[in-house]
Amino acid sequence: MTTSAIDPAEFRKAMAEFPSGVTVVTALDEQGALVGFTASAFTSLSLDPPLVLVCPALTSATYPHLVRGGRFAIHILAAEQQALAMAFASKGTDKVAALEWTLSDLGNPLLQGASCVLECSLWREYEGGDHAILVGEVLRIDRCESGVLLYHRGQMSNHAHLEKEVAGA
């Protein structure tokens, strides 16, 4: 890693000024168990082919499974799914053991209730400091019309509730 004059805590605060959606990335481990992590470092990359990128920490227990398995699902969380985001943000091997999920015919573990689910195959992997940059080719999209969960300044908020406040102003 390079040495920078930028304080990591100050950089984190600066990045918290940019609101983002909240996603949960899921995959299967070698025993077929659900693994995953909460990610705000997610964006679209290309329309043709349809590509997205997500950036897991190199220390994430899920990261090796994403690369080995070569496929994953990205869940754009619905407004009321903060508890799910927090479960996947925690550390530990049994953090999601009690959660219900189904297996798609593409082999991805899917969580119910997300605003949108993108099923991906790993297209490329790049180095990104203390994170990996994973580019996924989107193979399937499942959308529903619901508000989304937002993350801003270290807090999660209900996008649907914010839309109503703005409309009522």
N, C-alpha and C. Protein backbone atom coordinates (compact mmCIF):
# COMPACT_ATOMS: atom_id res chain seq x y z
N MET A 1 0.83 -1.18 0.00
CA MET A 1 0.00 0.00 0.00
C MET A 1 0.87 1.24 0.00
N THR A 2 0.32 2.30 -0.54
CA THR A 2 1.07 3.55 -0.57
C THR A 2 0.78 4.36 0.68
N THR A 3 1.72 5.21 1.03
CA THR A 3 1.54 6.09 2.17
C THR A 3 0.86 7.36 1.67
N SER A 4 -0.18 7.79 2.37
CA SER A 4 -0.93 8.96 1.96
C SER A 4 -0.98 9.97 3.10
N ALA A 5 -1.05 11.24 2.72
CA ALA A 5 -1.19 12.30 3.71
C ALA A 5 -2.64 12.42 4.19
N ILE A 6 -3.53 11.71 3.55
CA ILE A 6 -4.95 11.76 3.91
C ILE A 6 -5.20 10.81 5.09
N ASP A 7 -5.77 11.34 6.15
CA ASP A 7 -6.14 10.55 7.31
C ASP A 7 -7.31 9.63 6.95
N PRO A 8 -7.21 8.31 7.18
CA PRO A 8 -8.29 7.39 6.82
C PRO A 8 -9.64 7.76 7.47
N ALA A 9 -9.62 8.24 8.70
CA ALA A 9 -10.88 8.62 9.36
C ALA A 9 -11.52 9.82 8.65
N GLU A 10 -10.69 10.77 8.24
CA GLU A 10 -11.20 11.95 7.53
C GLU A 10 -11.74 11.55 6.15
N PHE A 11 -11.04 10.63 5.49
CA PHE A 11 -11.50 10.14 4.18
C PHE A 11 -12.86 9.44 4.32
N ARG A 12 -13.01 8.63 5.35
CA ARG A 12 -14.28 7.93 5.61
C ARG A 12 -15.41 8.97 5.80
N LYS A 13 -15.14 10.01 6.57
CA LYS A 13 -16.15 11.06 6.80
C LYS A 13 -16.51 11.76 5.49
N ALA A 14 -15.51 12.03 4.67
CA ALA A 14 -15.78 12.68 3.39
C ALA A 14 -16.65 11.80 2.50
N MET A 15 -16.36 10.52 2.46
CA MET A 15 -17.15 9.61 1.63
C MET A 15 -18.58 9.44 2.17
N ALA A 16 -18.75 9.63 3.47
CA ALA A 16 -20.08 9.52 4.07
C ALA A 16 -20.99 10.66 3.64
N GLU A 17 -20.42 11.71 3.05
CA GLU A 17 -21.23 12.81 2.54
C GLU A 17 -21.98 12.44 1.27
N PHE A 18 -21.57 11.36 0.64
CA PHE A 18 -22.22 10.91 -0.60
C PHE A 18 -23.23 9.83 -0.25
N PRO A 19 -24.53 10.12 -0.38
CA PRO A 19 -25.52 9.09 -0.06
C PRO A 19 -25.47 7.96 -1.08
N SER A 20 -25.72 6.77 -0.61
CA SER A 20 -25.72 5.62 -1.52
C SER A 20 -26.82 4.66 -1.12
N GLY A 21 -27.14 3.80 -2.04
CA GLY A 21 -28.05 2.71 -1.72
C GLY A 21 -27.32 1.69 -0.88
N VAL A 22 -28.08 0.77 -0.32
CA VAL A 22 -27.50 -0.29 0.50
C VAL A 22 -27.76 -1.62 -0.20
N THR A 23 -26.70 -2.38 -0.39
CA THR A 23 -26.83 -3.68 -1.03
C THR A 23 -26.30 -4.78 -0.11
N VAL A 24 -26.80 -5.98 -0.33
CA VAL A 24 -26.25 -7.17 0.29
C VAL A 24 -25.84 -8.09 -0.85
N VAL A 25 -24.60 -8.54 -0.80
CA VAL A 25 -24.07 -9.46 -1.80
C VAL A 25 -24.04 -10.84 -1.19
N THR A 26 -24.65 -11.82 -1.87
CA THR A 26 -24.68 -13.18 -1.35
C THR A 26 -24.03 -14.16 -2.33
N ALA A 27 -23.53 -15.22 -1.75
CA ALA A 27 -22.93 -16.33 -2.51
C ALA A 27 -23.04 -17.57 -1.63
N LEU A 28 -22.53 -18.67 -2.15
CA LEU A 28 -22.48 -19.91 -1.38
C LEU A 28 -21.04 -20.24 -1.06
N ASP A 29 -20.81 -20.81 0.13
CA ASP A 29 -19.47 -21.30 0.43
C ASP A 29 -19.33 -22.71 -0.15
N GLU A 30 -18.20 -23.34 0.10
CA GLU A 30 -17.93 -24.66 -0.48
C GLU A 30 -18.88 -25.74 0.05
N GLN A 31 -19.49 -25.52 1.20
CA GLN A 31 -20.44 -26.48 1.77
C GLN A 31 -21.88 -26.17 1.38
N GLY A 32 -22.09 -25.14 0.58
CA GLY A 32 -23.43 -24.76 0.15
C GLY A 32 -24.18 -23.89 1.14
N ALA A 33 -23.48 -23.29 2.09
CA ALA A 33 -24.10 -22.41 3.07
C ALA A 33 -24.08 -20.97 2.56
N LEU A 34 -25.05 -20.19 3.01
CA LEU A 34 -25.15 -18.78 2.66
C LEU A 34 -24.02 -17.97 3.28
N VAL A 35 -23.36 -17.15 2.46
CA VAL A 35 -22.39 -16.17 2.93
C VAL A 35 -22.72 -14.85 2.25
N GLY A 36 -22.29 -13.75 2.86
CA GLY A 36 -22.56 -12.46 2.24
C GLY A 36 -22.05 -11.31 3.06
N PHE A 37 -22.18 -10.12 2.51
CA PHE A 37 -21.76 -8.90 3.19
C PHE A 37 -22.61 -7.74 2.70
N THR A 38 -22.68 -6.70 3.52
CA THR A 38 -23.37 -5.47 3.16
C THR A 38 -22.38 -4.56 2.44
N ALA A 39 -22.82 -3.98 1.32
CA ALA A 39 -21.92 -3.13 0.54
C ALA A 39 -22.63 -1.85 0.10
N SER A 40 -21.94 -0.74 0.30
CA SER A 40 -22.41 0.50 -0.30
C SER A 40 -21.53 0.85 -1.51
N ALA A 41 -20.39 0.16 -1.64
CA ALA A 41 -19.50 0.36 -2.79
C ALA A 41 -20.00 -0.54 -3.93
N PHE A 42 -20.99 -0.03 -4.63
CA PHE A 42 -21.65 -0.75 -5.72
C PHE A 42 -22.09 0.27 -6.75
N THR A 43 -21.94 -0.07 -8.03
CA THR A 43 -22.42 0.83 -9.09
C THR A 43 -22.55 0.07 -10.41
N SER A 44 -23.30 0.66 -11.32
CA SER A 44 -23.36 0.12 -12.67
C SER A 44 -22.07 0.52 -13.39
N LEU A 45 -21.71 -0.26 -14.40
CA LEU A 45 -20.46 -0.01 -15.11
C LEU A 45 -20.68 0.08 -16.61
N SER A 46 -21.49 -0.83 -17.17
CA SER A 46 -21.64 -0.90 -18.62
C SER A 46 -23.04 -1.41 -18.96
N LEU A 47 -23.58 -0.88 -20.05
CA LEU A 47 -24.87 -1.38 -20.55
C LEU A 47 -24.69 -2.56 -21.49
N ASP A 48 -23.59 -2.55 -22.26
CA ASP A 48 -23.38 -3.60 -23.25
C ASP A 48 -21.93 -4.04 -23.24
N PRO A 49 -21.60 -5.13 -22.56
CA PRO A 49 -22.50 -6.02 -21.82
C PRO A 49 -22.96 -5.38 -20.51
N PRO A 50 -24.04 -5.90 -19.93
CA PRO A 50 -24.51 -5.35 -18.66
C PRO A 50 -23.55 -5.74 -17.52
N LEU A 51 -22.82 -4.73 -17.00
CA LEU A 51 -21.82 -4.98 -15.96
C LEU A 51 -22.06 -4.07 -14.77
N VAL A 52 -21.78 -4.60 -13.59
CA VAL A 52 -21.82 -3.84 -12.34
C VAL A 52 -20.51 -4.11 -11.61
N LEU A 53 -20.19 -3.22 -10.67
CA LEU A 53 -19.04 -3.53 -9.84
C LEU A 53 -19.42 -3.40 -8.37
N VAL A 54 -18.79 -4.24 -7.58
CA VAL A 54 -18.96 -4.24 -6.14
C VAL A 54 -17.58 -4.45 -5.54
N CYS A 55 -17.35 -3.84 -4.38
CA CYS A 55 -16.00 -3.82 -3.82
C CYS A 55 -15.96 -4.38 -2.41
N PRO A 56 -15.69 -5.68 -2.25
CA PRO A 56 -15.55 -6.25 -0.91
C PRO A 56 -14.17 -5.95 -0.32
N ALA A 57 -14.12 -5.80 0.99
CA ALA A 57 -12.84 -5.66 1.68
C ALA A 57 -12.04 -6.95 1.49
N LEU A 58 -10.75 -6.82 1.36
CA LEU A 58 -9.90 -8.01 1.22
C LEU A 58 -9.99 -8.90 2.46
N THR A 59 -10.34 -8.31 3.60
CA THR A 59 -10.47 -9.07 4.84
C THR A 59 -11.85 -9.71 5.01
N SER A 60 -12.76 -9.44 4.08
CA SER A 60 -14.10 -10.01 4.17
C SER A 60 -14.06 -11.53 4.06
N ALA A 61 -14.76 -12.20 4.96
CA ALA A 61 -14.82 -13.67 4.90
C ALA A 61 -15.55 -14.14 3.65
N THR A 62 -16.38 -13.29 3.06
CA THR A 62 -17.15 -13.66 1.87
C THR A 62 -16.32 -13.54 0.59
N TYR A 63 -15.39 -12.62 0.56
CA TYR A 63 -14.62 -12.34 -0.65
C TYR A 63 -14.05 -13.58 -1.33
N PRO A 64 -13.37 -14.50 -0.62
CA PRO A 64 -12.83 -15.68 -1.32
C PRO A 64 -13.91 -16.54 -1.97
N HIS A 65 -15.08 -16.59 -1.36
CA HIS A 65 -16.17 -17.41 -1.91
C HIS A 65 -16.72 -16.80 -3.20
N LEU A 66 -16.74 -15.48 -3.28
CA LEU A 66 -17.20 -14.82 -4.50
C LEU A 66 -16.28 -15.17 -5.67
N VAL A 67 -14.99 -15.14 -5.41
CA VAL A 67 -14.01 -15.42 -6.45
C VAL A 67 -14.00 -16.90 -6.82
N ARG A 68 -13.99 -17.77 -5.81
CA ARG A 68 -13.96 -19.22 -6.09
C ARG A 68 -15.22 -19.69 -6.78
N GLY A 69 -16.38 -19.21 -6.31
CA GLY A 69 -17.64 -19.64 -6.89
C GLY A 69 -17.92 -19.04 -8.25
N GLY A 70 -17.40 -17.84 -8.49
CA GLY A 70 -17.57 -17.20 -9.79
C GLY A 70 -18.97 -16.66 -10.05
N ARG A 71 -19.81 -16.64 -9.02
CA ARG A 71 -21.16 -16.09 -9.19
C ARG A 71 -21.66 -15.55 -7.86
N PHE A 72 -22.58 -14.61 -7.95
CA PHE A 72 -23.12 -13.98 -6.74
C PHE A 72 -24.39 -13.23 -7.10
N ALA A 73 -25.13 -12.87 -6.07
CA ALA A 73 -26.34 -12.06 -6.24
C ALA A 73 -26.16 -10.77 -5.45
N ILE A 74 -26.57 -9.67 -6.06
CA ILE A 74 -26.54 -8.37 -5.41
C ILE A 74 -27.98 -7.95 -5.17
N HIS A 75 -28.32 -7.75 -3.89
CA HIS A 75 -29.66 -7.36 -3.49
C HIS A 75 -29.67 -5.88 -3.16
N ILE A 76 -30.41 -5.07 -3.91
CA ILE A 76 -30.60 -3.67 -3.58
C ILE A 76 -31.73 -3.66 -2.56
N LEU A 77 -31.39 -3.31 -1.33
CA LEU A 77 -32.34 -3.50 -0.23
C LEU A 77 -33.51 -2.54 -0.28
N ALA A 78 -34.67 -3.07 0.08
CA ALA A 78 -35.89 -2.28 0.19
C ALA A 78 -35.82 -1.44 1.46
N ALA A 79 -36.65 -0.42 1.51
CA ALA A 79 -36.62 0.56 2.59
C ALA A 79 -36.70 -0.05 3.99
N GLU A 80 -37.45 -1.12 4.14
CA GLU A 80 -37.66 -1.70 5.47
C GLU A 80 -36.67 -2.81 5.82
N GLN A 81 -35.58 -2.95 5.08
CA GLN A 81 -34.65 -4.06 5.29
C GLN A 81 -33.37 -3.67 6.04
N GLN A 82 -33.45 -2.70 6.92
CA GLN A 82 -32.28 -2.28 7.68
C GLN A 82 -31.73 -3.41 8.55
N ALA A 83 -32.61 -4.20 9.15
CA ALA A 83 -32.15 -5.31 10.00
C ALA A 83 -31.33 -6.32 9.18
N LEU A 84 -31.74 -6.54 7.95
CA LEU A 84 -31.01 -7.45 7.07
C LEU A 84 -29.63 -6.87 6.74
N ALA A 85 -29.59 -5.57 6.47
CA ALA A 85 -28.30 -4.91 6.19
C ALA A 85 -27.37 -5.05 7.38
N MET A 86 -27.89 -4.85 8.58
CA MET A 86 -27.07 -4.94 9.79
C MET A 86 -26.59 -6.37 10.03
N ALA A 87 -27.44 -7.36 9.75
CA ALA A 87 -27.03 -8.76 9.93
C ALA A 87 -25.84 -9.09 9.04
N PHE A 88 -25.89 -8.66 7.78
CA PHE A 88 -24.80 -8.96 6.86
C PHE A 88 -23.58 -8.07 7.09
N ALA A 89 -23.75 -6.95 7.77
CA ALA A 89 -22.62 -6.08 8.09
C ALA A 89 -21.82 -6.57 9.29
N SER A 90 -22.41 -7.46 10.08
CA SER A 90 -21.72 -7.95 11.28
C SER A 90 -20.66 -8.98 10.91
N LYS A 91 -19.79 -9.26 11.86
CA LYS A 91 -18.72 -10.25 11.67
C LYS A 91 -19.16 -11.58 12.25
N GLY A 92 -18.51 -12.65 11.83
CA GLY A 92 -18.78 -13.97 12.38
C GLY A 92 -19.32 -14.92 11.34
N THR A 93 -19.11 -16.18 11.56
CA THR A 93 -19.50 -17.19 10.58
C THR A 93 -20.99 -17.53 10.62
N ASP A 94 -21.63 -17.34 11.77
CA ASP A 94 -23.05 -17.71 11.86
C ASP A 94 -23.96 -16.48 11.88
N LYS A 95 -23.47 -15.35 11.35
CA LYS A 95 -24.24 -14.11 11.38
C LYS A 95 -25.54 -14.19 10.60
N VAL A 96 -25.62 -15.08 9.62
CA VAL A 96 -26.82 -15.18 8.80
C VAL A 96 -27.41 -16.59 8.82
N ALA A 97 -26.99 -17.40 9.76
CA ALA A 97 -27.42 -18.80 9.81
C ALA A 97 -28.93 -18.96 9.92
N ALA A 98 -29.61 -18.05 10.59
CA ALA A 98 -31.05 -18.17 10.81
C ALA A 98 -31.89 -17.53 9.70
N LEU A 99 -31.25 -16.88 8.74
CA LEU A 99 -32.00 -16.20 7.69
C LEU A 99 -32.55 -17.18 6.67
N GLU A 100 -33.73 -16.86 6.16
CA GLU A 100 -34.34 -17.69 5.12
C GLU A 100 -33.87 -17.19 3.75
N TRP A 101 -33.62 -18.14 2.86
CA TRP A 101 -33.22 -17.82 1.51
C TRP A 101 -33.59 -18.97 0.59
N THR A 102 -33.61 -18.70 -0.70
CA THR A 102 -33.87 -19.73 -1.70
C THR A 102 -32.71 -19.77 -2.68
N LEU A 103 -32.57 -20.87 -3.37
CA LEU A 103 -31.51 -21.02 -4.36
C LEU A 103 -32.12 -20.82 -5.75
N SER A 104 -31.55 -19.89 -6.51
CA SER A 104 -32.04 -19.65 -7.86
C SER A 104 -31.56 -20.76 -8.79
N ASP A 105 -32.16 -20.83 -9.96
CA ASP A 105 -31.70 -21.85 -10.91
C ASP A 105 -30.33 -21.51 -11.50
N LEU A 106 -29.81 -20.29 -11.22
CA LEU A 106 -28.44 -19.95 -11.60
C LEU A 106 -27.44 -20.30 -10.50
N GLY A 107 -27.95 -20.81 -9.37
CA GLY A 107 -27.07 -21.24 -8.29
C GLY A 107 -26.75 -20.17 -7.27
N ASN A 108 -27.53 -19.09 -7.24
CA ASN A 108 -27.28 -18.01 -6.29
C ASN A 108 -28.28 -18.04 -5.14
N PRO A 109 -27.81 -17.78 -3.92
CA PRO A 109 -28.74 -17.66 -2.79
C PRO A 109 -29.46 -16.31 -2.86
N LEU A 110 -30.79 -16.36 -2.80
CA LEU A 110 -31.60 -15.16 -2.92
C LEU A 110 -32.37 -14.89 -1.64
N LEU A 111 -32.38 -13.63 -1.25
CA LEU A 111 -33.11 -13.16 -0.08
C LEU A 111 -34.43 -12.55 -0.55
N GLN A 112 -35.47 -12.72 0.23
CA GLN A 112 -36.78 -12.19 -0.15
C GLN A 112 -36.91 -10.72 0.22
N GLY A 113 -37.71 -9.99 -0.56
CA GLY A 113 -38.10 -8.64 -0.21
C GLY A 113 -37.23 -7.52 -0.73
N ALA A 114 -36.15 -7.82 -1.44
CA ALA A 114 -35.29 -6.76 -1.95
C ALA A 114 -36.00 -5.96 -3.03
N SER A 115 -35.61 -4.71 -3.16
CA SER A 115 -36.17 -3.85 -4.20
C SER A 115 -35.76 -4.36 -5.59
N CYS A 116 -34.54 -4.87 -5.68
CA CYS A 116 -34.04 -5.41 -6.94
C CYS A 116 -32.94 -6.43 -6.63
N VAL A 117 -32.88 -7.49 -7.42
CA VAL A 117 -31.82 -8.48 -7.29
C VAL A 117 -31.16 -8.64 -8.65
N LEU A 118 -29.83 -8.54 -8.66
CA LEU A 118 -29.04 -8.76 -9.86
C LEU A 118 -28.22 -10.02 -9.67
N GLU A 119 -28.46 -11.02 -10.49
CA GLU A 119 -27.65 -12.23 -10.42
C GLU A 119 -26.51 -12.09 -11.43
N CYS A 120 -25.29 -12.33 -10.94
CA CYS A 120 -24.09 -12.04 -11.72
C CYS A 120 -23.14 -13.23 -11.79
N SER A 121 -22.36 -13.24 -12.86
CA SER A 121 -21.18 -14.10 -12.90
C SER A 121 -19.97 -13.19 -12.83
N LEU A 122 -18.91 -13.67 -12.21
CA LEU A 122 -17.70 -12.86 -12.07
C LEU A 122 -17.07 -12.67 -13.45
N TRP A 123 -16.94 -11.43 -13.87
CA TRP A 123 -16.40 -11.10 -15.19
C TRP A 123 -14.92 -10.76 -15.10
N ARG A 124 -14.55 -9.92 -14.12
CA ARG A 124 -13.15 -9.55 -13.88
C ARG A 124 -12.95 -9.22 -12.40
N GLU A 125 -11.69 -9.27 -11.99
CA GLU A 125 -11.31 -8.87 -10.64
C GLU A 125 -10.08 -7.99 -10.73
N TYR A 126 -10.09 -6.90 -9.96
CA TYR A 126 -8.97 -5.95 -9.96
C TYR A 126 -8.58 -5.64 -8.52
N GLU A 127 -7.33 -5.17 -8.35
CA GLU A 127 -6.87 -4.70 -7.04
C GLU A 127 -7.41 -3.30 -6.81
N GLY A 128 -7.74 -3.01 -5.55
CA GLY A 128 -8.23 -1.68 -5.20
C GLY A 128 -7.84 -1.30 -3.78
N GLY A 129 -6.55 -1.26 -3.50
CA GLY A 129 -6.10 -0.93 -2.15
C GLY A 129 -6.48 -2.03 -1.17
N ASP A 130 -7.22 -1.67 -0.13
CA ASP A 130 -7.62 -2.67 0.87
C ASP A 130 -8.93 -3.37 0.48
N HIS A 131 -9.42 -3.11 -0.73
CA HIS A 131 -10.62 -3.76 -1.25
C HIS A 131 -10.29 -4.40 -2.61
N ALA A 132 -11.12 -5.33 -2.99
CA ALA A 132 -11.07 -5.88 -4.35
C ALA A 132 -12.15 -5.17 -5.15
N ILE A 133 -11.94 -5.05 -6.43
CA ILE A 133 -12.95 -4.52 -7.34
C ILE A 133 -13.43 -5.70 -8.18
N LEU A 134 -14.65 -6.14 -7.92
CA LEU A 134 -15.21 -7.26 -8.67
C LEU A 134 -16.21 -6.73 -9.68
N VAL A 135 -16.02 -7.11 -10.92
CA VAL A 135 -16.95 -6.75 -11.98
C VAL A 135 -17.81 -7.97 -12.27
N GLY A 136 -19.10 -7.79 -12.16
CA GLY A 136 -20.02 -8.88 -12.41
C GLY A 136 -20.82 -8.63 -13.68
N GLU A 137 -20.97 -9.67 -14.48
CA GLU A 137 -21.86 -9.59 -15.64
C GLU A 137 -23.25 -9.98 -15.17
N VAL A 138 -24.20 -9.10 -15.40
CA VAL A 138 -25.56 -9.34 -14.95
C VAL A 138 -26.23 -10.35 -15.87
N LEU A 139 -26.68 -11.46 -15.29
CA LEU A 139 -27.33 -12.53 -16.06
C LEU A 139 -28.84 -12.53 -15.89
N ARG A 140 -29.32 -12.00 -14.76
CA ARG A 140 -30.76 -11.96 -14.48
C ARG A 140 -31.05 -10.79 -13.56
N ILE A 141 -32.21 -10.16 -13.80
CA ILE A 141 -32.68 -9.05 -12.98
C ILE A 141 -34.08 -9.37 -12.48
N ASP A 142 -34.30 -9.15 -11.20
CA ASP A 142 -35.64 -9.29 -10.61
C ASP A 142 -35.94 -8.00 -9.86
N ARG A 143 -36.91 -7.22 -10.36
CA ARG A 143 -37.24 -5.92 -9.78
C ARG A 143 -38.64 -5.93 -9.18
N CYS A 144 -38.81 -5.10 -8.15
CA CYS A 144 -40.15 -4.82 -7.65
C CYS A 144 -40.21 -3.31 -7.39
N GLU A 145 -41.39 -2.79 -7.35
CA GLU A 145 -41.56 -1.34 -7.17
C GLU A 145 -41.65 -1.03 -5.68
N SER A 146 -40.53 -0.80 -5.04
CA SER A 146 -40.54 -0.45 -3.61
C SER A 146 -39.49 0.62 -3.36
N GLY A 147 -39.65 1.33 -2.26
CA GLY A 147 -38.64 2.29 -1.84
C GLY A 147 -37.37 1.55 -1.48
N VAL A 148 -36.27 2.26 -1.49
CA VAL A 148 -34.98 1.63 -1.20
C VAL A 148 -34.39 2.18 0.10
N LEU A 149 -33.48 1.42 0.65
CA LEU A 149 -32.75 1.81 1.85
C LEU A 149 -31.54 2.65 1.43
N LEU A 150 -31.36 3.80 2.08
CA LEU A 150 -30.23 4.68 1.77
C LEU A 150 -29.27 4.74 2.95
N TYR A 151 -27.99 5.00 2.65
CA TYR A 151 -26.96 5.15 3.65
C TYR A 151 -26.32 6.52 3.46
N HIS A 152 -26.31 7.34 4.53
CA HIS A 152 -25.73 8.67 4.45
C HIS A 152 -25.25 9.09 5.83
N ARG A 153 -24.01 9.54 5.91
CA ARG A 153 -23.40 9.99 7.16
C ARG A 153 -23.53 8.96 8.28
N GLY A 154 -23.29 7.70 7.92
CA GLY A 154 -23.26 6.63 8.92
C GLY A 154 -24.62 6.14 9.37
N GLN A 155 -25.69 6.59 8.72
CA GLN A 155 -27.03 6.15 9.11
C GLN A 155 -27.80 5.66 7.90
N MET A 156 -28.69 4.72 8.15
CA MET A 156 -29.57 4.22 7.11
C MET A 156 -30.92 4.91 7.24
N SER A 157 -31.55 5.15 6.08
CA SER A 157 -32.86 5.79 6.09
C SER A 157 -33.75 5.19 5.02
N ASN A 158 -35.03 5.36 5.22
CA ASN A 158 -36.05 4.83 4.35
C ASN A 158 -36.30 5.82 3.22
N HIS A 159 -35.93 5.45 2.00
CA HIS A 159 -36.09 6.33 0.84
C HIS A 159 -37.55 6.66 0.59
N ALA A 160 -38.44 5.70 0.74
CA ALA A 160 -39.86 5.94 0.51
C ALA A 160 -40.39 7.00 1.48
N HIS A 161 -39.94 6.96 2.73
CA HIS A 161 -40.36 7.96 3.72
C HIS A 161 -39.84 9.34 3.32
N LEU A 162 -38.61 9.43 2.84
CA LEU A 162 -38.03 10.71 2.41
C LEU A 162 -38.77 11.26 1.21
N GLU A 163 -39.17 10.41 0.25
CA GLU A 163 -39.92 10.85 -0.92
C GLU A 163 -41.23 11.50 -0.49
N LYS A 164 -41.92 10.90 0.48
CA LYS A 164 -43.20 11.44 0.96
C LYS A 164 -42.99 12.79 1.62
N GLU A 165 -41.89 12.94 2.39
CA GLU A 165 -41.61 14.23 3.04
C GLU A 165 -41.37 15.32 2.01
N VAL A 166 -40.62 15.02 0.96
CA VAL A 166 -40.33 16.00 -0.08
C VAL A 166 -41.61 16.35 -0.84
N ALA A 167 -42.43 15.36 -1.17
CA ALA A 167 -43.67 15.60 -1.90
C ALA A 167 -44.65 16.44 -1.08
N GLY A 168 -44.63 16.27 0.24
CA GLY A 168 -45.54 17.00 1.10
C GLY A 168 -45.08 18.41 1.44
N ALA A 169 -43.83 18.74 1.09
CA ALA A 169 -43.28 20.07 1.45
C ALA A 169 -43.78 21.17 0.55
